[in-house]
Amino acid sequence: MGATETLLATAALGMLYPLLCGQPLTIMGATGPIASYIIALKRLGDAVGVKFLPLYAWSGIFLSGYMFLAAMFSLSNAIKKVTRFTEELFSVLIS
């Protein structure tokens, strides 16, 4: 995905999401960790000879299954084990 596709998708979903979900202040843009993930996934796809978009779609399906299991088993309680350093590191990446 290039910059143009990212901007168009962000613009379209940025208008549609608040109307359907009732959360108008949600940021619908690509952040640092997301951009890093996409770049790493693109390089992985190139290395193993797989097209990017199907790999991106399947990784999204896998992650949605993983997040469903995480919600079912309440894995969010593991946040108690996170140190302040980890929290600050993710804050720097997102901002």
C-alpha atoms as a PDB file:
ATOM      1  CA  MET A   1       0.000   0.000   0.000  1.00  0.00           C
ATOM      2  CA  GLY A   2       1.294   3.388  -0.892  1.00  0.00           C
ATOM      3  CA  ALA A   3       0.729   6.772   0.664  1.00  0.00           C
ATOM      4  CA  THR A   4      -2.175   7.548  -1.666  1.00  0.00           C
ATOM      5  CA  GLU A   5      -4.049   4.361  -0.802  1.00  0.00           C
ATOM      6  CA  THR A   6      -3.447   4.925   2.895  1.00  0.00           C
ATOM      7  CA  LEU A   7      -4.758   8.483   2.724  1.00  0.00           C
ATOM      8  CA  LEU A   8      -7.843   7.487   0.717  1.00  0.00           C
ATOM      9  CA  ALA A   9      -8.651   4.571   3.027  1.00  0.00           C
ATOM     10  CA  THR A  10      -8.127   6.729   6.106  1.00  0.00           C
ATOM     11  CA  ALA A  11     -10.362   9.470   4.687  1.00  0.00           C
ATOM     12  CA  ALA A  12     -13.155   7.082   3.705  1.00  0.00           C
ATOM     13  CA  LEU A  13     -13.122   5.106   6.936  1.00  0.00           C
ATOM     14  CA  GLY A  14     -12.627   8.255   8.985  1.00  0.00           C
ATOM     15  CA  MET A  15     -16.011   9.484   7.736  1.00  0.00           C
ATOM     16  CA  LEU A  16     -17.805   6.130   7.820  1.00  0.00           C
ATOM     17  CA  TYR A  17     -16.630   4.822  11.205  1.00  0.00           C
ATOM     18  CA  PRO A  18     -17.993   7.661  13.384  1.00  0.00           C
ATOM     19  CA  LEU A  19     -21.373   7.435  11.673  1.00  0.00           C
ATOM     20  CA  LEU A  20     -21.727   3.695  12.244  1.00  0.00           C
ATOM     21  CA  CYS A  21     -19.948   3.256  15.580  1.00  0.00           C
ATOM     22  CA  GLY A  22     -20.766   6.414  17.495  1.00  0.00           C
ATOM     23  CA  GLN A  23     -17.183   7.288  18.384  1.00  0.00           C
ATOM     24  CA  PRO A  24     -16.384  10.470  16.447  1.00  0.00           C
ATOM     25  CA  LEU A  25     -13.077  11.207  18.217  1.00  0.00           C
ATOM     26  CA  THR A  26     -11.332   7.955  17.306  1.00  0.00           C
ATOM     27  CA  ILE A  27      -8.051   8.486  15.447  1.00  0.00           C
ATOM     28  CA  MET A  28      -8.192   6.483  12.222  1.00  0.00           C
ATOM     29  CA  GLY A  29      -4.675   6.984  10.935  1.00  0.00           C
ATOM     30  CA  ALA A  30      -1.560   4.922  10.513  1.00  0.00           C
ATOM     31  CA  THR A  31       0.671   5.205  13.582  1.00  0.00           C
ATOM     32  CA  GLY A  32       4.338   4.307  13.980  1.00  0.00           C
ATOM     33  CA  PRO A  33       3.873   0.697  15.150  1.00  0.00           C
ATOM     34  CA  ILE A  34       1.329   0.001  12.386  1.00  0.00           C
ATOM     35  CA  ALA A  35       3.622   1.421   9.721  1.00  0.00           C
ATOM     36  CA  SER A  36       6.546  -0.626  11.072  1.00  0.00           C
ATOM     37  CA  TYR A  37       4.398  -3.764  11.065  1.00  0.00           C
ATOM     38  CA  ILE A  38       3.319  -3.201   7.457  1.00  0.00           C
ATOM     39  CA  ILE A  39       6.908  -2.602   6.322  1.00  0.00           C
ATOM     40  CA  ALA A  40       8.120  -5.750   8.104  1.00  0.00           C
ATOM     41  CA  LEU A  41       5.249  -7.788   6.648  1.00  0.00           C
ATOM     42  CA  LYS A  42       6.020  -6.504   3.144  1.00  0.00           C
ATOM     43  CA  ARG A  43       9.678  -7.491   3.504  1.00  0.00           C
ATOM     44  CA  LEU A  44       8.674 -10.921   4.836  1.00  0.00           C
ATOM     45  CA  GLY A  45       6.340 -11.437   1.880  1.00  0.00           C
ATOM     46  CA  ASP A  46       9.071 -10.454  -0.557  1.00  0.00           C
ATOM     47  CA  ALA A  47      11.549 -12.797   1.135  1.00  0.00           C
ATOM     48  CA  VAL A  48       9.290 -15.843   0.943  1.00  0.00           C
ATOM     49  CA  GLY A  49       7.740 -14.979  -2.434  1.00  0.00           C
ATOM     50  CA  VAL A  50       4.176 -14.277  -1.292  1.00  0.00           C
ATOM     51  CA  LYS A  51       2.015 -11.403  -2.529  1.00  0.00           C
ATOM     52  CA  PHE A  52       1.595  -8.660   0.051  1.00  0.00           C
ATOM     53  CA  LEU A  53      -2.178  -8.122   0.093  1.00  0.00           C
ATOM     54  CA  PRO A  54      -3.157 -11.787   0.656  1.00  0.00           C
ATOM     55  CA  LEU A  55      -0.473 -12.040   3.361  1.00  0.00           C
ATOM     56  CA  TYR A  56      -1.801  -8.847   4.959  1.00  0.00           C
ATOM     57  CA  ALA A  57      -5.374 -10.175   4.852  1.00  0.00           C
ATOM     58  CA  TRP A  58      -4.446 -13.545   6.357  1.00  0.00           C
ATOM     59  CA  SER A  59      -2.403 -11.905   9.091  1.00  0.00           C
ATOM     60  CA  GLY A  60      -5.479  -9.790   9.929  1.00  0.00           C
ATOM     61  CA  ILE A  61      -7.654 -12.899  10.084  1.00  0.00           C
ATOM     62  CA  PHE A  62      -5.109 -14.626  12.322  1.00  0.00           C
ATOM     63  CA  LEU A  63      -4.855 -11.598  14.606  1.00  0.00           C
ATOM     64  CA  SER A  64      -8.640 -11.298  14.876  1.00  0.00           C
ATOM     65  CA  GLY A  65      -8.779 -14.933  16.016  1.00  0.00           C
ATOM     66  CA  TYR A  66      -5.968 -14.290  18.475  1.00  0.00           C
ATOM     67  CA  MET A  67      -7.730 -11.200  19.848  1.00  0.00           C
ATOM     68  CA  PHE A  68     -10.955 -13.174  20.221  1.00  0.00           C
ATOM     69  CA  LEU A  69      -9.134 -15.806  22.280  1.00  0.00           C
ATOM     70  CA  ALA A  70      -7.404 -13.091  24.305  1.00  0.00           C
ATOM     71  CA  ALA A  71     -10.797 -11.587  25.118  1.00  0.00           C
ATOM     72  CA  MET A  72     -12.295 -14.976  25.977  1.00  0.00           C
ATOM     73  CA  PHE A  73      -9.508 -15.823  28.439  1.00  0.00           C
ATOM     74  CA  SER A  74      -9.170 -12.274  29.800  1.00  0.00           C
ATOM     75  CA  LEU A  75      -5.520 -11.933  28.849  1.00  0.00           C
ATOM     76  CA  SER A  76      -5.753  -8.199  29.469  1.00  0.00           C
ATOM     77  CA  ASN A  77      -5.048  -8.976  33.112  1.00  0.00           C
ATOM     78  CA  ALA A  78      -1.415  -9.518  32.069  1.00  0.00           C
ATOM     79  CA  ILE A  79      -1.053  -5.720  31.921  1.00  0.00           C
ATOM     80  CA  LYS A  80      -0.224  -5.889  35.629  1.00  0.00           C
ATOM     81  CA  LYS A  81       3.129  -7.391  34.628  1.00  0.00           C
ATOM     82  CA  VAL A  82       4.054  -4.474  32.328  1.00  0.00           C
ATOM     83  CA  THR A  83       6.647  -2.096  33.685  1.00  0.00           C
ATOM     84  CA  ARG A  84       6.591   1.662  33.380  1.00  0.00           C
ATOM     85  CA  PHE A  85       9.433   1.481  30.831  1.00  0.00           C
ATOM     86  CA  THR A  86       7.316  -0.614  28.445  1.00  0.00           C
ATOM     87  CA  GLU A  87       4.408   1.778  28.792  1.00  0.00           C
ATOM     88  CA  GLU A  88       6.595   4.788  28.029  1.00  0.00           C
ATOM     89  CA  LEU A  89       8.171   3.042  25.046  1.00  0.00           C
ATOM     90  CA  PHE A  90       4.782   2.408  23.424  1.00  0.00           C
ATOM     91  CA  SER A  91       3.725   5.987  24.174  1.00  0.00           C
ATOM     92  CA  VAL A  92       6.755   7.270  22.277  1.00  0.00           C
ATOM     93  CA  LEU A  93       6.022   5.008  19.302  1.00  0.00           C
ATOM     94  CA  ILE A  94       2.394   6.061  19.064  1.00  0.00           C
ATOM     95  CA  SER A  95       2.903   9.815  19.509  1.00  0.00           C
END
